[in-house]
Amino acid sequence: MDIPPLHEDLPTVRAWVQESTVWTARRGGRLVGAVRGTADGTAWQIGRLMVAPDLAGNGLGRRLLQHVEQNAPEHTTSFELFTGSKSVRNIRLYTRAGYSQLPPDPSHIPGVVYLSKPNAINSD
């Protein structure tokens, strides 16, 4: 099953900018990458990690992922994110960064892979 690309209108983007912490990467004024983090109890939900297609494969996604993890609230015990099951490049990035796929759950959206990793700073 394919999941559609995540499309959001301007009011939706404005709302999540108010609820989340957002980082962007720019090159010469051009938006080339972004990621957001949202606290959910002791979990840090990482979302909307994106890199401009012409810059994919150059480490920007890895650096954005590291940045959002390093800037999680102090009480964070785990990092959580999801991606499409056919997004092989994304899954490889997250696995190399220490994430593990969560077992299937009835609450999960079909065609989506959920991943998590403990925050080494706050894990027991």
PDB file of N, CA and C in Angstrom:
ATOM      1  N   MET A   1       0.845  -1.183   0.000  1.00  0.00           N
ATOM      2  CA  MET A   1       0.000   0.000   0.000  1.00  0.00           C
ATOM      3  C   MET A   1       0.886   1.240   0.000  1.00  0.00           C
ATOM      4  N   ASP A   2       0.581   2.171  -0.851  1.00  0.00           N
ATOM      5  CA  ASP A   2       1.284   3.451  -0.883  1.00  0.00           C
ATOM      6  C   ASP A   2       0.539   4.443  -0.008  1.00  0.00           C
ATOM      7  N   ILE A   3       1.290   5.286   0.673  1.00  0.00           N
ATOM      8  CA  ILE A   3       0.644   6.381   1.382  1.00  0.00           C
ATOM      9  C   ILE A   3       0.896   7.639   0.575  1.00  0.00           C
ATOM     10  N   PRO A   4      -0.079   8.537   0.530  1.00  0.00           N
ATOM     11  CA  PRO A   4       0.101   9.757  -0.259  1.00  0.00           C
ATOM     12  C   PRO A   4       1.104  10.684   0.411  1.00  0.00           C
ATOM     13  N   PRO A   5       1.727  11.566  -0.372  1.00  0.00           N
ATOM     14  CA  PRO A   5       2.623  12.560   0.216  1.00  0.00           C
ATOM     15  C   PRO A   5       1.865  13.398   1.236  1.00  0.00           C
ATOM     16  N   LEU A   6       2.578  13.898   2.207  1.00  0.00           N
ATOM     17  CA  LEU A   6       1.958  14.722   3.228  1.00  0.00           C
ATOM     18  C   LEU A   6       1.802  16.139   2.692  1.00  0.00           C
ATOM     19  N   HIS A   7       0.574  16.530   2.470  1.00  0.00           N
ATOM     20  CA  HIS A   7       0.276  17.874   1.988  1.00  0.00           C
ATOM     21  C   HIS A   7      -0.447  18.623   3.092  1.00  0.00           C
ATOM     22  N   GLU A   8      -0.029  19.849   3.333  1.00  0.00           N
ATOM     23  CA  GLU A   8      -0.649  20.665   4.353  1.00  0.00           C
ATOM     24  C   GLU A   8      -0.895  22.056   3.792  1.00  0.00           C
ATOM     25  N   ASP A   9      -2.058  22.604   4.131  1.00  0.00           N
ATOM     26  CA  ASP A   9      -2.339  23.960   3.686  1.00  0.00           C
ATOM     27  C   ASP A   9      -1.704  24.947   4.669  1.00  0.00           C
ATOM     28  N   LEU A  10      -1.695  26.210   4.295  1.00  0.00           N
ATOM     29  CA  LEU A  10      -1.024  27.231   5.097  1.00  0.00           C
ATOM     30  C   LEU A  10      -1.569  27.318   6.524  1.00  0.00           C
ATOM     31  N   PRO A  11      -2.894  27.294   6.745  1.00  0.00           N
ATOM     32  CA  PRO A  11      -3.377  27.338   8.132  1.00  0.00           C
ATOM     33  C   PRO A  11      -2.889  26.149   8.970  1.00  0.00           C
ATOM     34  N   THR A  12      -2.785  24.978   8.359  1.00  0.00           N
ATOM     35  CA  THR A  12      -2.294  23.801   9.081  1.00  0.00           C
ATOM     36  C   THR A  12      -0.829  23.980   9.454  1.00  0.00           C
ATOM     37  N   VAL A  13      -0.028  24.471   8.513  1.00  0.00           N
ATOM     38  CA  VAL A  13       1.391  24.703   8.792  1.00  0.00           C
ATOM     39  C   VAL A  13       1.545  25.739   9.901  1.00  0.00           C
ATOM     40  N   ARG A  14       0.775  26.804   9.839  1.00  0.00           N
ATOM     41  CA  ARG A  14       0.853  27.836  10.884  1.00  0.00           C
ATOM     42  C   ARG A  14       0.510  27.251  12.249  1.00  0.00           C
ATOM     43  N   ALA A  15      -0.472  26.363  12.299  1.00  0.00           N
ATOM     44  CA  ALA A  15      -0.872  25.745  13.566  1.00  0.00           C
ATOM     45  C   ALA A  15       0.250  24.884  14.135  1.00  0.00           C
ATOM     46  N   TRP A  16       0.872  24.026  13.294  1.00  0.00           N
ATOM     47  CA  TRP A  16       1.916  23.171  13.866  1.00  0.00           C
ATOM     48  C   TRP A  16       3.184  23.936  14.184  1.00  0.00           C
ATOM     49  N   VAL A  17       3.411  25.070  13.544  1.00  0.00           N
ATOM     50  CA  VAL A  17       4.564  25.898  13.912  1.00  0.00           C
ATOM     51  C   VAL A  17       4.365  26.449  15.330  1.00  0.00           C
ATOM     52  N   GLN A  18       3.115  26.686  15.713  1.00  0.00           N
ATOM     53  CA  GLN A  18       2.824  27.164  17.063  1.00  0.00           C
ATOM     54  C   GLN A  18       2.961  26.053  18.102  1.00  0.00           C
ATOM     55  N   GLU A  19       2.698  24.799  17.697  1.00  0.00           N
ATOM     56  CA  GLU A  19       2.685  23.666  18.630  1.00  0.00           C
ATOM     57  C   GLU A  19       4.018  22.929  18.705  1.00  0.00           C
ATOM     58  N   SER A  20       4.874  23.102  17.728  1.00  0.00           N
ATOM     59  CA  SER A  20       6.115  22.339  17.629  1.00  0.00           C
ATOM     60  C   SER A  20       7.314  23.276  17.588  1.00  0.00           C
ATOM     61  N   THR A  21       8.483  22.674  17.719  1.00  0.00           N
ATOM     62  CA  THR A  21       9.723  23.400  17.498  1.00  0.00           C
ATOM     63  C   THR A  21      10.194  23.032  16.102  1.00  0.00           C
ATOM     64  N   VAL A  22      10.463  24.022  15.284  1.00  0.00           N
ATOM     65  CA  VAL A  22      10.790  23.795  13.877  1.00  0.00           C
ATOM     66  C   VAL A  22      12.175  24.360  13.577  1.00  0.00           C
ATOM     67  N   TRP A  23      12.971  23.571  12.846  1.00  0.00           N
ATOM     68  CA  TRP A  23      14.276  24.023  12.376  1.00  0.00           C
ATOM     69  C   TRP A  23      14.283  23.950  10.863  1.00  0.00           C
ATOM     70  N   THR A  24      14.938  24.907  10.250  1.00  0.00           N
ATOM     71  CA  THR A  24      15.061  24.905   8.795  1.00  0.00           C
ATOM     72  C   THR A  24      16.531  25.027   8.409  1.00  0.00           C
ATOM     73  N   ALA A  25      16.836  24.533   7.231  1.00  0.00           N
ATOM     74  CA  ALA A  25      18.171  24.698   6.648  1.00  0.00           C
ATOM     75  C   ALA A  25      17.990  25.506   5.375  1.00  0.00           C
ATOM     76  N   ARG A  26      18.800  26.523   5.234  1.00  0.00           N
ATOM     77  CA  ARG A  26      18.720  27.385   4.056  1.00  0.00           C
ATOM     78  C   ARG A  26      20.084  27.487   3.400  1.00  0.00           C
ATOM     79  N   ARG A  27      20.044  27.620   2.114  1.00  0.00           N
ATOM     80  CA  ARG A  27      21.267  27.850   1.339  1.00  0.00           C
ATOM     81  C   ARG A  27      20.974  29.034   0.429  1.00  0.00           C
ATOM     82  N   GLY A  28      21.654  30.140   0.694  1.00  0.00           N
ATOM     83  CA  GLY A  28      21.439  31.333  -0.115  1.00  0.00           C
ATOM     84  C   GLY A  28      19.997  31.809  -0.115  1.00  0.00           C
ATOM     85  N   GLY A  29      19.313  31.689   1.013  1.00  0.00           N
ATOM     86  CA  GLY A  29      17.924  32.107   1.100  1.00  0.00           C
ATOM     87  C   GLY A  29      16.927  31.038   0.696  1.00  0.00           C
ATOM     88  N   ARG A  30      17.389  29.989   0.056  1.00  0.00           N
ATOM     89  CA  ARG A  30      16.507  28.898  -0.392  1.00  0.00           C
ATOM     90  C   ARG A  30      16.291  27.903   0.752  1.00  0.00           C
ATOM     91  N   LEU A  31      15.047  27.537   1.006  1.00  0.00           N
ATOM     92  CA  LEU A  31      14.736  26.502   1.979  1.00  0.00           C
ATOM     93  C   LEU A  31      15.149  25.158   1.392  1.00  0.00           C
ATOM     94  N   VAL A  32      16.127  24.482   2.020  1.00  0.00           N
ATOM     95  CA  VAL A  32      16.624  23.209   1.484  1.00  0.00           C
ATOM     96  C   VAL A  32      16.375  22.041   2.429  1.00  0.00           C
ATOM     97  N   GLY A  33      15.912  22.322   3.642  1.00  0.00           N
ATOM     98  CA  GLY A  33      15.623  21.247   4.579  1.00  0.00           C
ATOM     99  C   GLY A  33      14.852  21.772   5.766  1.00  0.00           C
ATOM    100  N   ALA A  34      14.160  20.864   6.445  1.00  0.00           N
ATOM    101  CA  ALA A  34      13.405  21.244   7.633  1.00  0.00           C
ATOM    102  C   ALA A  34      13.089  19.996   8.445  1.00  0.00           C
ATOM    103  N   VAL A  35      12.824  20.213   9.717  1.00  0.00           N
ATOM    104  CA  VAL A  35      12.405  19.143  10.618  1.00  0.00           C
ATOM    105  C   VAL A  35      11.675  19.798  11.785  1.00  0.00           C
ATOM    106  N   ARG A  36      10.812  19.030  12.425  1.00  0.00           N
ATOM    107  CA  ARG A  36      10.144  19.569  13.603  1.00  0.00           C
ATOM    108  C   ARG A  36      10.148  18.536  14.715  1.00  0.00           C
ATOM    109  N   GLY A  37      10.066  19.018  15.939  1.00  0.00           N
ATOM    110  CA  GLY A  37       9.978  18.161  17.112  1.00  0.00           C
ATOM    111  C   GLY A  37       8.837  18.630  17.991  1.00  0.00           C
ATOM    112  N   THR A  38       8.123  17.665  18.562  1.00  0.00           N
ATOM    113  CA  THR A  38       6.989  17.969  19.419  1.00  0.00           C
ATOM    114  C   THR A  38       7.052  17.071  20.647  1.00  0.00           C
ATOM    115  N   ALA A  39       6.989  17.656  21.821  1.00  0.00           N
ATOM    116  CA  ALA A  39       6.990  16.864  23.048  1.00  0.00           C
ATOM    117  C   ALA A  39       5.647  16.171  23.210  1.00  0.00           C
ATOM    118  N   ASP A  40       5.707  14.892  23.582  1.00  0.00           N
ATOM    119  CA  ASP A  40       4.515  14.084  23.854  1.00  0.00           C
ATOM    120  C   ASP A  40       4.828  13.271  25.105  1.00  0.00           C
ATOM    121  N   GLY A  41       4.570  13.851  26.260  1.00  0.00           N
ATOM    122  CA  GLY A  41       4.997  13.224  27.504  1.00  0.00           C
ATOM    123  C   GLY A  41       6.516  13.238  27.556  1.00  0.00           C
ATOM    124  N   THR A  42       7.117  12.063  27.743  1.00  0.00           N
ATOM    125  CA  THR A  42       8.579  11.983  27.756  1.00  0.00           C
ATOM    126  C   THR A  42       9.141  11.612  26.387  1.00  0.00           C
ATOM    127  N   ALA A  43       8.269  11.452  25.405  1.00  0.00           N
ATOM    128  CA  ALA A  43       8.715  11.149  24.035  1.00  0.00           C
ATOM    129  C   ALA A  43       8.872  12.449  23.251  1.00  0.00           C
ATOM    130  N   TRP A  44       9.827  12.462  22.341  1.00  0.00           N
ATOM    131  CA  TRP A  44      10.051  13.590  21.428  1.00  0.00           C
ATOM    132  C   TRP A  44       9.657  13.093  20.050  1.00  0.00           C
ATOM    133  N   GLN A  45       8.516  13.584  19.565  1.00  0.00           N
ATOM    134  CA  GLN A  45       7.998  13.188  18.263  1.00  0.00           C
ATOM    135  C   GLN A  45       8.702  14.004  17.184  1.00  0.00           C
ATOM    136  N   ILE A  46       9.381  13.318  16.295  1.00  0.00           N
ATOM    137  CA  ILE A  46      10.107  13.973  15.208  1.00  0.00           C
ATOM    138  C   ILE A  46       9.284  13.820  13.942  1.00  0.00           C
ATOM    139  N   GLY A  47       9.089  14.918  13.231  1.00  0.00           N
ATOM    140  CA  GLY A  47       8.253  14.844  12.043  1.00  0.00           C
ATOM    141  C   GLY A  47       8.672  15.808  10.958  1.00  0.00           C
ATOM    142  N   ARG A  48       8.132  15.539   9.796  1.00  0.00           N
ATOM    143  CA  ARG A  48       8.296  16.389   8.617  1.00  0.00           C
ATOM    144  C   ARG A  48       9.762  16.665   8.288  1.00  0.00           C
ATOM    145  N   LEU A  49      10.609  15.665   8.493  1.00  0.00           N
ATOM    146  CA  LEU A  49      12.005  15.795   8.074  1.00  0.00           C
ATOM    147  C   LEU A  49      12.035  15.787   6.557  1.00  0.00           C
ATOM    148  N   MET A  50      12.520  16.867   5.988  1.00  0.00           N
ATOM    149  CA  MET A  50      12.557  16.946   4.523  1.00  0.00           C
ATOM    150  C   MET A  50      13.853  17.588   4.072  1.00  0.00           C
ATOM    151  N   VAL A  51      14.287  17.140   2.887  1.00  0.00           N
ATOM    152  CA  VAL A  51      15.473  17.685   2.233  1.00  0.00           C
ATOM    153  C   VAL A  51      15.105  17.921   0.772  1.00  0.00           C
ATOM    154  N   ALA A  52      15.540  19.038   0.213  1.00  0.00           N
ATOM    155  CA  ALA A  52      15.292  19.311  -1.206  1.00  0.00           C
ATOM    156  C   ALA A  52      15.810  18.134  -2.038  1.00  0.00           C
ATOM    157  N   PRO A  53      15.021  17.661  -2.997  1.00  0.00           N
ATOM    158  CA  PRO A  53      15.410  16.471  -3.775  1.00  0.00           C
ATOM    159  C   PRO A  53      16.795  16.553  -4.406  1.00  0.00           C
ATOM    160  N   ASP A  54      17.184  17.727  -4.872  1.00  0.00           N
ATOM    161  CA  ASP A  54      18.494  17.835  -5.521  1.00  0.00           C
ATOM    162  C   ASP A  54      19.658  17.780  -4.534  1.00  0.00           C
ATOM    163  N   LEU A  55      19.369  17.819  -3.239  1.00  0.00           N
ATOM    164  CA  LEU A  55      20.420  17.742  -2.224  1.00  0.00           C
ATOM    165  C   LEU A  55      20.375  16.432  -1.438  1.00  0.00           C
ATOM    166  N   ALA A  56      19.442  15.559  -1.776  1.00  0.00           N
ATOM    167  CA  ALA A  56      19.324  14.280  -1.070  1.00  0.00           C
ATOM    168  C   ALA A  56      20.601  13.468  -1.235  1.00  0.00           C
ATOM    169  N   GLY A  57      20.963  12.759  -0.179  1.00  0.00           N
ATOM    170  CA  GLY A  57      22.143  11.898  -0.231  1.00  0.00           C
ATOM    171  C   GLY A  57      23.442  12.583   0.141  1.00  0.00           C
ATOM    172  N   ASN A  58      23.369  13.837   0.583  1.00  0.00           N
ATOM    173  CA  ASN A  58      24.576  14.584   0.948  1.00  0.00           C
ATOM    174  C   ASN A  58      24.734  14.792   2.453  1.00  0.00           C
ATOM    175  N   GLY A  59      23.925  14.103   3.270  1.00  0.00           N
ATOM    176  CA  GLY A  59      24.064  14.183   4.715  1.00  0.00           C
ATOM    177  C   GLY A  59      23.225  15.236   5.407  1.00  0.00           C
ATOM    178  N   LEU A  60      22.473  16.030   4.653  1.00  0.00           N
ATOM    179  CA  LEU A  60      21.669  17.070   5.283  1.00  0.00           C
ATOM    180  C   LEU A  60      20.573  16.464   6.157  1.00  0.00           C
ATOM    181  N   GLY A  61      19.916  15.424   5.689  1.00  0.00           N
ATOM    182  CA  GLY A  61      18.880  14.768   6.489  1.00  0.00           C
ATOM    183  C   GLY A  61      19.442  14.225   7.795  1.00  0.00           C
ATOM    184  N   ARG A  62      20.615  13.609   7.729  1.00  0.00           N
ATOM    185  CA  ARG A  62      21.274  13.079   8.928  1.00  0.00           C
ATOM    186  C   ARG A  62      21.577  14.205   9.908  1.00  0.00           C
ATOM    187  N   ARG A  63      22.079  15.321   9.395  1.00  0.00           N
ATOM    188  CA  ARG A  63      22.408  16.453  10.269  1.00  0.00           C
ATOM    189  C   ARG A  63      21.150  17.060  10.892  1.00  0.00           C
ATOM    190  N   LEU A  64      20.075  17.163  10.125  1.00  0.00           N
ATOM    191  CA  LEU A  64      18.822  17.675  10.685  1.00  0.00           C
ATOM    192  C   LEU A  64      18.285  16.738  11.764  1.00  0.00           C
ATOM    193  N   LEU A  65      18.375  15.432  11.525  1.00  0.00           N
ATOM    194  CA  LEU A  65      17.920  14.457  12.516  1.00  0.00           C
ATOM    195  C   LEU A  65      18.742  14.585  13.798  1.00  0.00           C
ATOM    196  N   GLN A  66      20.045  14.689  13.676  1.00  0.00           N
ATOM    197  CA  GLN A  66      20.905  14.868  14.853  1.00  0.00           C
ATOM    198  C   GLN A  66      20.549  16.156  15.596  1.00  0.00           C
ATOM    199  N   HIS A  67      20.286  17.208  14.845  1.00  0.00           N
ATOM    200  CA  HIS A  67      19.975  18.501  15.456  1.00  0.00           C
ATOM    201  C   HIS A  67      18.675  18.441  16.258  1.00  0.00           C
ATOM    202  N   VAL A  68      17.639  17.860  15.682  1.00  0.00           N
ATOM    203  CA  VAL A  68      16.364  17.798  16.391  1.00  0.00           C
ATOM    204  C   VAL A  68      16.489  16.912  17.630  1.00  0.00           C
ATOM    205  N   GLU A  69      17.271  15.843  17.550  1.00  0.00           N
ATOM    206  CA  GLU A  69      17.487  14.994  18.726  1.00  0.00           C
ATOM    207  C   GLU A  69      18.246  15.753  19.812  1.00  0.00           C
ATOM    208  N   GLN A  70      19.296  16.460  19.436  1.00  0.00           N
ATOM    209  CA  GLN A  70      20.130  17.180  20.403  1.00  0.00           C
ATOM    210  C   GLN A  70      19.384  18.327  21.075  1.00  0.00           C
ATOM    211  N   ASN A  71      18.316  18.786  20.456  1.00  0.00           N
ATOM    212  CA  ASN A  71      17.563  19.912  21.004  1.00  0.00           C
ATOM    213  C   ASN A  71      16.241  19.501  21.630  1.00  0.00           C
ATOM    214  N   ALA A  72      16.092  18.221  21.923  1.00  0.00           N
ATOM    215  CA  ALA A  72      14.888  17.730  22.603  1.00  0.00           C
ATOM    216  C   ALA A  72      14.859  18.260  24.036  1.00  0.00           C
ATOM    217  N   PRO A  73      13.672  18.369  24.616  1.00  0.00           N
ATOM    218  CA  PRO A  73      13.593  18.796  26.017  1.00  0.00           C
ATOM    219  C   PRO A  73      14.402  17.865  26.930  1.00  0.00           C
ATOM    220  N   GLU A  74      14.865  18.401  28.039  1.00  0.00           N
ATOM    221  CA  GLU A  74      15.723  17.645  28.956  1.00  0.00           C
ATOM    222  C   GLU A  74      15.093  16.351  29.451  1.00  0.00           C
ATOM    223  N   HIS A  75      13.776  16.320  29.609  1.00  0.00           N
ATOM    224  CA  HIS A  75      13.101  15.141  30.169  1.00  0.00           C
ATOM    225  C   HIS A  75      12.835  14.040  29.134  1.00  0.00           C
ATOM    226  N   THR A  76      13.257  14.238  27.907  1.00  0.00           N
ATOM    227  CA  THR A  76      12.982  13.276  26.834  1.00  0.00           C
ATOM    228  C   THR A  76      13.678  11.942  27.106  1.00  0.00           C
ATOM    229  N   THR A  77      12.894  10.852  27.062  1.00  0.00           N
ATOM    230  CA  THR A  77      13.465   9.511  27.243  1.00  0.00           C
ATOM    231  C   THR A  77      13.506   8.721  25.946  1.00  0.00           C
ATOM    232  N   SER A  78      12.731   9.156  24.934  1.00  0.00           N
ATOM    233  CA  SER A  78      12.751   8.434  23.654  1.00  0.00           C
ATOM    234  C   SER A  78      12.433   9.376  22.505  1.00  0.00           C
ATOM    235  N   PHE A  79      12.901   8.971  21.334  1.00  0.00           N
ATOM    236  CA  PHE A  79      12.612   9.680  20.087  1.00  0.00           C
ATOM    237  C   PHE A  79      11.705   8.778  19.262  1.00  0.00           C
ATOM    238  N   GLU A  80      10.670   9.353  18.655  1.00  0.00           N
ATOM    239  CA  GLU A  80       9.723   8.576  17.864  1.00  0.00           C
ATOM    240  C   GLU A  80       9.454   9.290  16.547  1.00  0.00           C
ATOM    241  N   LEU A  81       9.287   8.500  15.492  1.00  0.00           N
ATOM    242  CA  LEU A  81       8.961   9.059  14.183  1.00  0.00           C
ATOM    243  C   LEU A  81       8.309   7.986  13.329  1.00  0.00           C
ATOM    244  N   PHE A  82       7.834   8.384  12.164  1.00  0.00           N
ATOM    245  CA  PHE A  82       7.263   7.413  11.229  1.00  0.00           C
ATOM    246  C   PHE A  82       7.566   7.837   9.809  1.00  0.00           C
ATOM    247  N   THR A  83       7.462   6.870   8.903  1.00  0.00           N
ATOM    248  CA  THR A  83       7.680   7.118   7.480  1.00  0.00           C
ATOM    249  C   THR A  83       6.929   6.062   6.689  1.00  0.00           C
ATOM    250  N   GLY A  84       6.790   6.264   5.410  1.00  0.00           N
ATOM    251  CA  GLY A  84       6.130   5.281   4.554  1.00  0.00           C
ATOM    252  C   GLY A  84       6.941   3.999   4.459  1.00  0.00           C
ATOM    253  N   SER A  85       6.261   2.870   4.397  1.00  0.00           N
ATOM    254  CA  SER A  85       6.951   1.576   4.358  1.00  0.00           C
ATOM    255  C   SER A  85       7.780   1.396   3.092  1.00  0.00           C
ATOM    256  N   LYS A  86       7.492   2.164   2.052  1.00  0.00           N
ATOM    257  CA  LYS A  86       8.266   2.074   0.812  1.00  0.00           C
ATOM    258  C   LYS A  86       9.367   3.129   0.729  1.00  0.00           C
ATOM    259  N   SER A  87       9.515   3.917   1.778  1.00  0.00           N
ATOM    260  CA  SER A  87      10.547   4.961   1.811  1.00  0.00           C
ATOM    261  C   SER A  87      11.862   4.350   2.295  1.00  0.00           C
ATOM    262  N   VAL A  88      12.461   3.547   1.441  1.00  0.00           N
ATOM    263  CA  VAL A  88      13.654   2.777   1.796  1.00  0.00           C
ATOM    264  C   VAL A  88      14.792   3.680   2.253  1.00  0.00           C
ATOM    265  N   ARG A  89      14.997   4.771   1.574  1.00  0.00           N
ATOM    266  CA  ARG A  89      16.087   5.693   1.945  1.00  0.00           C
ATOM    267  C   ARG A  89      15.853   6.258   3.354  1.00  0.00           C
ATOM    268  N   ASN A  90      14.614   6.636   3.656  1.00  0.00           N
ATOM    269  CA  ASN A  90      14.306   7.164   4.987  1.00  0.00           C
ATOM    270  C   ASN A  90      14.533   6.104   6.060  1.00  0.00           C
ATOM    271  N   ILE A  91      14.029   4.899   5.815  1.00  0.00           N
ATOM    272  CA  ILE A  91      14.176   3.819   6.794  1.00  0.00           C
ATOM    273  C   ILE A  91      15.658   3.525   7.036  1.00  0.00           C
ATOM    274  N   ARG A  92      16.451   3.528   5.982  1.00  0.00           N
ATOM    275  CA  ARG A  92      17.892   3.295   6.122  1.00  0.00           C
ATOM    276  C   ARG A  92      18.532   4.404   6.978  1.00  0.00           C
ATOM    277  N   LEU A  93      18.171   5.660   6.729  1.00  0.00           N
ATOM    278  CA  LEU A  93      18.693   6.774   7.526  1.00  0.00           C
ATOM    279  C   LEU A  93      18.367   6.572   9.001  1.00  0.00           C
ATOM    280  N   TYR A  94      17.119   6.266   9.298  1.00  0.00           N
ATOM    281  CA  TYR A  94      16.698   6.128  10.689  1.00  0.00           C
ATOM    282  C   TYR A  94      17.346   4.915  11.357  1.00  0.00           C
ATOM    283  N   THR A  95      17.456   3.822  10.637  1.00  0.00           N
ATOM    284  CA  THR A  95      18.092   2.623  11.194  1.00  0.00           C
ATOM    285  C   THR A  95      19.563   2.896  11.503  1.00  0.00           C
ATOM    286  N   ARG A  96      20.250   3.549  10.588  1.00  0.00           N
ATOM    287  CA  ARG A  96      21.663   3.890  10.823  1.00  0.00           C
ATOM    288  C   ARG A  96      21.828   4.842  12.002  1.00  0.00           C
ATOM    289  N   ALA A  97      20.792   5.635  12.271  1.00  0.00           N
ATOM    290  CA  ALA A  97      20.839   6.573  13.395  1.00  0.00           C
ATOM    291  C   ALA A  97      20.435   5.908  14.714  1.00  0.00           C
ATOM    292  N   GLY A  98      20.169   4.593  14.680  1.00  0.00           N
ATOM    293  CA  GLY A  98      19.871   3.866  15.911  1.00  0.00           C
ATOM    294  C   GLY A  98      18.413   3.586  16.184  1.00  0.00           C
ATOM    295  N   TYR A  99      17.541   3.926  15.252  1.00  0.00           N
ATOM    296  CA  TYR A  99      16.112   3.671  15.436  1.00  0.00           C
ATOM    297  C   TYR A  99      15.785   2.218  15.136  1.00  0.00           C
ATOM    298  N   SER A 100      14.779   1.704  15.840  1.00  0.00           N
ATOM    299  CA  SER A 100      14.269   0.357  15.602  1.00  0.00           C
ATOM    300  C   SER A 100      12.801   0.447  15.226  1.00  0.00           C
ATOM    301  N   GLN A 101      12.394  -0.421  14.310  1.00  0.00           N
ATOM    302  CA  GLN A 101      10.986  -0.449  13.920  1.00  0.00           C
ATOM    303  C   GLN A 101      10.157  -1.018  15.061  1.00  0.00           C
ATOM    304  N   LEU A 102       9.030  -0.383  15.313  1.00  0.00           N
ATOM    305  CA  LEU A 102       8.111  -0.866  16.335  1.00  0.00           C
ATOM    306  C   LEU A 102       7.271  -1.997  15.759  1.00  0.00           C
ATOM    307  N   PRO A 103       6.854  -2.938  16.600  1.00  0.00           N
ATOM    308  CA  PRO A 103       6.000  -4.010  16.097  1.00  0.00           C
ATOM    309  C   PRO A 103       4.668  -3.447  15.612  1.00  0.00           C
ATOM    310  N   PRO A 104       4.032  -4.122  14.652  1.00  0.00           N
ATOM    311  CA  PRO A 104       2.731  -3.654  14.166  1.00  0.00           C
ATOM    312  C   PRO A 104       1.730  -3.528  15.313  1.00  0.00           C
ATOM    313  N   ASP A 105       0.878  -2.556  15.176  1.00  0.00           N
ATOM    314  CA  ASP A 105      -0.139  -2.288  16.193  1.00  0.00           C
ATOM    315  C   ASP A 105      -1.429  -1.919  15.470  1.00  0.00           C
ATOM    316  N   PRO A 106      -2.587  -2.324  15.983  1.00  0.00           N
ATOM    317  CA  PRO A 106      -3.848  -1.983  15.309  1.00  0.00           C
ATOM    318  C   PRO A 106      -4.063  -0.480  15.130  1.00  0.00           C
ATOM    319  N   SER A 107      -3.424   0.331  15.981  1.00  0.00           N
ATOM    320  CA  SER A 107      -3.600   1.783  15.872  1.00  0.00           C
ATOM    321  C   SER A 107      -2.733   2.398  14.779  1.00  0.00           C
ATOM    322  N   HIS A 108      -1.795   1.635  14.234  1.00  0.00           N
ATOM    323  CA  HIS A 108      -0.898   2.162  13.200  1.00  0.00           C
ATOM    324  C   HIS A 108      -1.609   2.299  11.856  1.00  0.00           C
ATOM    325  N   ILE A 109      -1.236   3.298  11.124  1.00  0.00           N
ATOM    326  CA  ILE A 109      -1.777   3.533   9.785  1.00  0.00           C
ATOM    327  C   ILE A 109      -1.161   2.508   8.841  1.00  0.00           C
ATOM    328  N   PRO A 110      -1.968   1.816   8.045  1.00  0.00           N
ATOM    329  CA  PRO A 110      -1.409   0.854   7.088  1.00  0.00           C
ATOM    330  C   PRO A 110      -0.438   1.546   6.124  1.00  0.00           C
ATOM    331  N   GLY A 111       0.665   0.870   5.822  1.00  0.00           N
ATOM    332  CA  GLY A 111       1.649   1.423   4.905  1.00  0.00           C
ATOM    333  C   GLY A 111       2.641   2.365   5.552  1.00  0.00           C
ATOM    334  N   VAL A 112       2.588   2.466   6.873  1.00  0.00           N
ATOM    335  CA  VAL A 112       3.472   3.363   7.605  1.00  0.00           C
ATOM    336  C   VAL A 112       4.336   2.540   8.557  1.00  0.00           C
ATOM    337  N   VAL A 113       5.620   2.879   8.621  1.00  0.00           N
ATOM    338  CA  VAL A 113       6.558   2.241   9.538  1.00  0.00           C
ATOM    339  C   VAL A 113       6.798   3.209  10.695  1.00  0.00           C
ATOM    340  N   TYR A 114       6.636   2.714  11.902  1.00  0.00           N
ATOM    341  CA  TYR A 114       6.868   3.506  13.106  1.00  0.00           C
ATOM    342  C   TYR A 114       8.196   3.072  13.709  1.00  0.00           C
ATOM    343  N   LEU A 115       9.015   4.053  14.093  1.00  0.00           N
ATOM    344  CA  LEU A 115      10.347   3.766  14.626  1.00  0.00           C
ATOM    345  C   LEU A 115      10.571   4.541  15.920  1.00  0.00           C
ATOM    346  N   SER A 116      11.449   4.004  16.745  1.00  0.00           N
ATOM    347  CA  SER A 116      11.739   4.633  18.026  1.00  0.00           C
ATOM    348  C   SER A 116      13.174   4.313  18.429  1.00  0.00           C
ATOM    349  N   LYS A 117      13.728   5.178  19.270  1.00  0.00           N
ATOM    350  CA  LYS A 117      15.019   4.873  19.890  1.00  0.00           C
ATOM    351  C   LYS A 117      15.073   5.582  21.230  1.00  0.00           C
ATOM    352  N   PRO A 118      15.768   4.978  22.186  1.00  0.00           N
ATOM    353  CA  PRO A 118      15.892   5.640  23.482  1.00  0.00           C
ATOM    354  C   PRO A 118      16.829   6.839  23.388  1.00  0.00           C
ATOM    355  N   ASN A 119      16.571   7.810  24.222  1.00  0.00           N
ATOM    356  CA  ASN A 119      17.482   8.943  24.346  1.00  0.00           C
ATOM    357  C   ASN A 119      18.605   8.486  25.273  1.00  0.00           C
ATOM    358  N   ALA A 120      19.785   8.295  24.745  1.00  0.00           N
ATOM    359  CA  ALA A 120      20.910   7.764  25.519  1.00  0.00           C
ATOM    360  C   ALA A 120      21.206   8.610  26.754  1.00  0.00           C
ATOM    361  N   ILE A 121      20.896   9.879  26.705  1.00  0.00           N
ATOM    362  CA  ILE A 121      21.166  10.768  27.838  1.00  0.00           C
ATOM    363  C   ILE A 121      20.232  10.466  29.006  1.00  0.00           C
ATOM    364  N   ASN A 122      18.970  10.111  28.705  1.00  0.00           N
ATOM    365  CA  ASN A 122      17.974   9.921  29.761  1.00  0.00           C
ATOM    366  C   ASN A 122      17.444   8.499  29.870  1.00  0.00           C
ATOM    367  N   SER A 123      18.054   7.540  29.202  1.00  0.00           N
ATOM    368  CA  SER A 123      17.551   6.169  29.306  1.00  0.00           C
ATOM    369  C   SER A 123      18.202   5.481  30.496  1.00  0.00           C
ATOM    370  N   ASP A 124      17.485   4.550  31.049  1.00  0.00           N
ATOM    371  CA  ASP A 124      17.992   3.816  32.227  1.00  0.00           C
ATOM    372  C   ASP A 124      19.008   2.786  31.841  1.00  0.00           C
TER     373      ASP A 124
END
